[in-house]
Amino acid sequence: MSQFRILGSETVVDTGFVRLADLEVEGGGERFTRLVVRHPGAAVVVPVEPDREHVLLVRQFRAAADRELLEVVAGKRDVEGEAPETTASREMHEEIGRRPGRLVKLCEFFNSPGFCDEYTYLYAALDLEELDAPAAVNPEERALTIERVHLDTVDDLIADGHVVDAKSIIGLLLTRRYLSGELGGYRG
């Protein structure tokens, strides 16, 4: 049991998608404040090709990084009451025009718990079904490109700085371990 507890929270900014909250915290014999970003959470999915040796990644512009990033498929859990698996399937349709026949949960994680409560559900998508076309909903999605990547190249993509975001690194490494039989999936 933690010696810290949150006594109160006041919203400082509400953008409709994320909120900035000022928390009053007590612990360690002190009272203090912390600014926290409140995020709806995310679903991340690594689409695995039928040969089980290739995955589909997207290259898209990310304003916060001010550049295009090579990433796994991902999206916010911004539909009230939507299950993480449904969010993962929806994002696959929007970004790559495919639907998973089967989703295998690999892990759950906090992205940056030092300042944000964003919580992510990560899946490998197997038995992909091709749909008519991606159903992009924003300018970045409409401009993204899809790249087929061999799982044997993942270590080099990471070491050479071609894949630099945490969700993609976690997703690619865990998917490779799952497909090789080293990881049975999430047990939490």
Protein backbone atom coordinates (compact mmCIF):
# COMPACT_ATOMS: atom_id res chain seq x y z
CA MET A 1 0.00 0.00 0.00
CA SER A 2 1.41 3.36 -1.02
CA GLN A 3 2.05 6.08 1.51
CA PHE A 4 0.92 8.62 -1.11
CA ARG A 5 -2.64 9.60 -1.94
CA ILE A 6 -4.36 12.13 -4.15
CA LEU A 7 -6.43 14.58 -2.14
CA GLY A 8 -7.93 16.52 -5.01
CA SER A 9 -7.79 17.34 -8.69
CA GLU A 10 -8.59 20.52 -10.61
CA THR A 11 -8.76 20.69 -14.40
CA VAL A 12 -6.48 23.44 -15.70
CA VAL A 13 -7.06 22.92 -19.43
CA ASP A 14 -9.56 20.68 -21.25
CA THR A 15 -8.96 20.23 -24.99
CA GLY A 16 -11.72 17.67 -25.41
CA PHE A 17 -9.12 14.99 -26.16
CA VAL A 18 -6.69 15.48 -23.28
CA ARG A 19 -6.93 17.40 -20.04
CA LEU A 20 -4.27 18.98 -17.88
CA ALA A 21 -5.04 18.47 -14.21
CA ASP A 22 -3.43 19.99 -11.12
CA LEU A 23 -3.37 17.32 -8.41
CA GLU A 24 -2.97 17.85 -4.70
CA VAL A 25 -0.95 14.95 -3.29
CA GLU A 26 -0.11 13.92 0.25
CA GLY A 27 2.74 11.60 1.18
CA GLY A 28 6.12 11.38 2.83
CA GLY A 29 4.87 13.80 5.49
CA GLU A 30 4.22 16.54 2.91
CA ARG A 31 1.47 18.02 0.73
CA PHE A 32 2.43 19.03 -2.79
CA THR A 33 1.01 19.49 -6.31
CA ARG A 34 1.67 17.68 -9.57
CA LEU A 35 0.50 18.57 -13.08
CA VAL A 36 -0.79 15.49 -14.90
CA VAL A 37 -1.97 15.00 -18.48
CA ARG A 38 -5.21 12.98 -18.54
CA HIS A 39 -5.37 10.88 -21.72
CA PRO A 40 -8.14 8.47 -22.85
CA GLY A 41 -5.61 5.69 -23.48
CA ALA A 42 -4.60 3.90 -26.64
CA ALA A 43 -4.71 0.62 -28.51
CA VAL A 44 -1.63 -0.51 -30.42
CA VAL A 45 -1.59 -3.33 -32.94
CA VAL A 46 1.16 -5.04 -34.93
CA PRO A 47 -0.41 -6.44 -38.13
CA VAL A 48 1.32 -9.73 -39.00
CA GLU A 49 1.33 -10.87 -42.62
CA PRO A 50 0.22 -14.47 -43.38
CA ASP A 51 3.85 -15.63 -43.80
CA ARG A 52 4.40 -14.69 -40.11
CA GLU A 53 7.77 -13.18 -41.11
CA HIS A 54 6.57 -9.71 -42.14
CA VAL A 55 4.55 -7.01 -40.40
CA LEU A 56 2.87 -3.89 -41.72
CA LEU A 57 4.04 -0.54 -40.36
CA VAL A 58 2.90 2.98 -41.17
CA ARG A 59 5.03 6.01 -41.86
CA GLN A 60 3.19 9.15 -40.83
CA PHE A 61 3.85 12.72 -39.80
CA ARG A 62 3.78 13.35 -36.05
CA ALA A 63 3.47 17.03 -35.13
CA ALA A 64 4.93 16.58 -31.62
CA ALA A 65 8.10 15.04 -33.12
CA ASP A 66 8.02 17.40 -36.15
CA ARG A 67 8.82 14.53 -38.51
CA GLU A 68 7.52 11.36 -40.06
CA LEU A 69 7.89 8.24 -37.92
CA LEU A 70 7.81 4.56 -38.85
CA GLU A 71 5.31 3.04 -36.42
CA VAL A 72 2.95 0.22 -35.62
CA VAL A 73 -0.77 0.93 -36.03
CA ALA A 74 -2.16 2.84 -33.05
CA GLY A 75 -4.95 5.08 -31.95
CA LYS A 76 -6.69 6.76 -29.05
CA ARG A 77 -9.42 5.05 -27.07
CA ASP A 78 -11.66 8.03 -27.68
CA VAL A 79 -14.98 6.23 -28.23
CA GLU A 80 -16.82 6.01 -24.90
CA GLY A 81 -17.23 2.40 -23.74
CA GLU A 82 -15.34 0.90 -26.69
CA ALA A 83 -13.31 -2.20 -25.82
CA PRO A 84 -9.56 -1.95 -26.53
CA GLU A 85 -9.84 -4.80 -29.06
CA THR A 86 -12.48 -2.87 -30.97
CA THR A 87 -10.28 0.24 -30.96
CA ALA A 88 -7.39 -1.86 -32.34
CA SER A 89 -9.58 -3.23 -35.15
CA ARG A 90 -10.96 0.22 -35.97
CA GLU A 91 -7.46 1.71 -36.16
CA MET A 92 -6.32 -1.08 -38.49
CA HIS A 93 -9.22 -0.28 -40.82
CA GLU A 94 -8.51 3.47 -40.69
CA GLU A 95 -4.75 3.22 -41.21
CA ILE A 96 -4.06 0.14 -43.34
CA GLY A 97 -7.42 -1.04 -44.69
CA ARG A 98 -7.30 -4.42 -42.95
CA ARG A 99 -9.19 -6.23 -40.22
CA PRO A 100 -7.67 -8.80 -37.85
CA GLY A 101 -9.05 -12.32 -37.89
CA ARG A 102 -7.50 -12.77 -34.47
CA LEU A 103 -5.98 -10.40 -31.90
CA VAL A 104 -3.47 -11.64 -29.34
CA LYS A 105 -2.91 -9.33 -26.37
CA LEU A 106 0.83 -9.05 -25.71
CA CYS A 107 0.93 -6.47 -22.91
CA GLU A 108 -0.49 -3.34 -21.30
CA PHE A 109 1.63 -0.38 -20.26
CA PHE A 110 1.74 3.23 -19.12
CA ASN A 111 3.44 5.38 -21.75
CA SER A 112 4.95 8.14 -19.59
CA PRO A 113 3.67 7.80 -16.01
CA GLY A 114 5.90 10.61 -14.76
CA PHE A 115 3.43 13.15 -16.15
CA CYS A 116 0.65 11.36 -18.07
CA ASP A 117 -1.93 8.65 -17.29
CA GLU A 118 -2.07 7.31 -20.88
CA TYR A 119 -2.51 3.52 -20.68
CA THR A 120 -1.96 1.36 -23.75
CA TYR A 121 -3.20 -2.09 -24.79
CA LEU A 122 -0.87 -3.83 -27.26
CA TYR A 123 -1.89 -6.63 -29.65
CA ALA A 124 -0.50 -8.74 -32.46
CA ALA A 125 -3.04 -9.02 -35.29
CA LEU A 126 -3.12 -12.34 -37.13
CA ASP A 127 -5.16 -13.74 -40.02
CA LEU A 128 -5.53 -10.34 -41.66
CA GLU A 129 -8.48 -9.64 -43.91
CA GLU A 130 -8.01 -7.01 -46.60
CA LEU A 131 -10.81 -4.44 -46.81
CA ASP A 132 -11.67 -2.19 -49.73
CA ALA A 133 -9.49 0.71 -48.61
CA PRO A 134 -8.24 2.47 -45.49
CA ALA A 135 -10.86 4.63 -43.79
CA ALA A 136 -8.55 7.51 -42.82
CA VAL A 137 -10.14 10.17 -40.62
CA ASN A 138 -7.46 12.88 -40.39
CA PRO A 139 -4.87 14.53 -42.67
CA GLU A 140 -1.95 12.54 -41.24
CA GLU A 141 -3.74 9.23 -41.83
CA ARG A 142 -4.70 10.23 -45.37
CA ALA A 143 -1.02 10.95 -46.15
CA LEU A 144 0.56 7.94 -44.42
CA THR A 145 2.30 5.15 -46.29
CA ILE A 146 2.24 1.46 -45.44
CA GLU A 147 5.56 -0.40 -45.28
CA ARG A 148 6.04 -4.17 -45.21
CA VAL A 149 8.90 -5.01 -42.84
CA HIS A 150 10.64 -8.35 -42.26
CA LEU A 151 10.83 -9.20 -38.56
CA ASP A 152 14.52 -10.14 -38.98
CA THR A 153 15.27 -6.44 -39.64
CA VAL A 154 13.65 -5.12 -36.44
CA ASP A 155 16.88 -4.97 -34.39
CA ASP A 156 18.61 -2.97 -37.15
CA LEU A 157 15.62 -0.63 -37.58
CA ILE A 158 15.79 0.15 -33.87
CA ALA A 159 19.60 0.34 -33.63
CA ASP A 160 19.81 2.59 -36.70
CA GLY A 161 17.16 4.99 -35.38
CA HIS A 162 14.51 4.18 -38.00
CA VAL A 163 12.00 3.07 -35.35
CA VAL A 164 12.21 5.42 -32.36
CA ASP A 165 8.87 5.44 -30.55
CA ALA A 166 8.34 3.26 -27.51
CA LYS A 167 5.04 1.64 -28.53
CA SER A 168 6.53 0.46 -31.81
CA ILE A 169 9.72 -0.87 -30.22
CA ILE A 170 7.72 -2.72 -27.55
CA GLY A 171 5.22 -4.01 -30.10
CA LEU A 172 7.74 -5.24 -32.64
CA LEU A 173 9.96 -6.97 -30.09
CA LEU A 174 7.06 -8.67 -28.30
CA THR A 175 5.40 -9.72 -31.56
CA ARG A 176 8.62 -11.32 -32.75
CA ARG A 177 8.93 -13.18 -29.42
CA TYR A 178 5.30 -14.29 -29.61
CA LEU A 179 5.67 -15.62 -33.17
CA SER A 180 8.84 -17.51 -32.24
CA GLY A 181 7.04 -19.20 -29.32
CA GLU A 182 9.07 -17.42 -26.61
CA LEU A 183 6.05 -15.46 -25.32
CA GLY A 184 2.61 -16.85 -24.71
CA GLY A 185 0.76 -13.54 -24.53
CA TYR A 186 -0.47 -11.31 -21.73
CA ARG A 187 -1.41 -13.02 -18.45
CA GLY A 188 -2.35 -9.95 -16.36
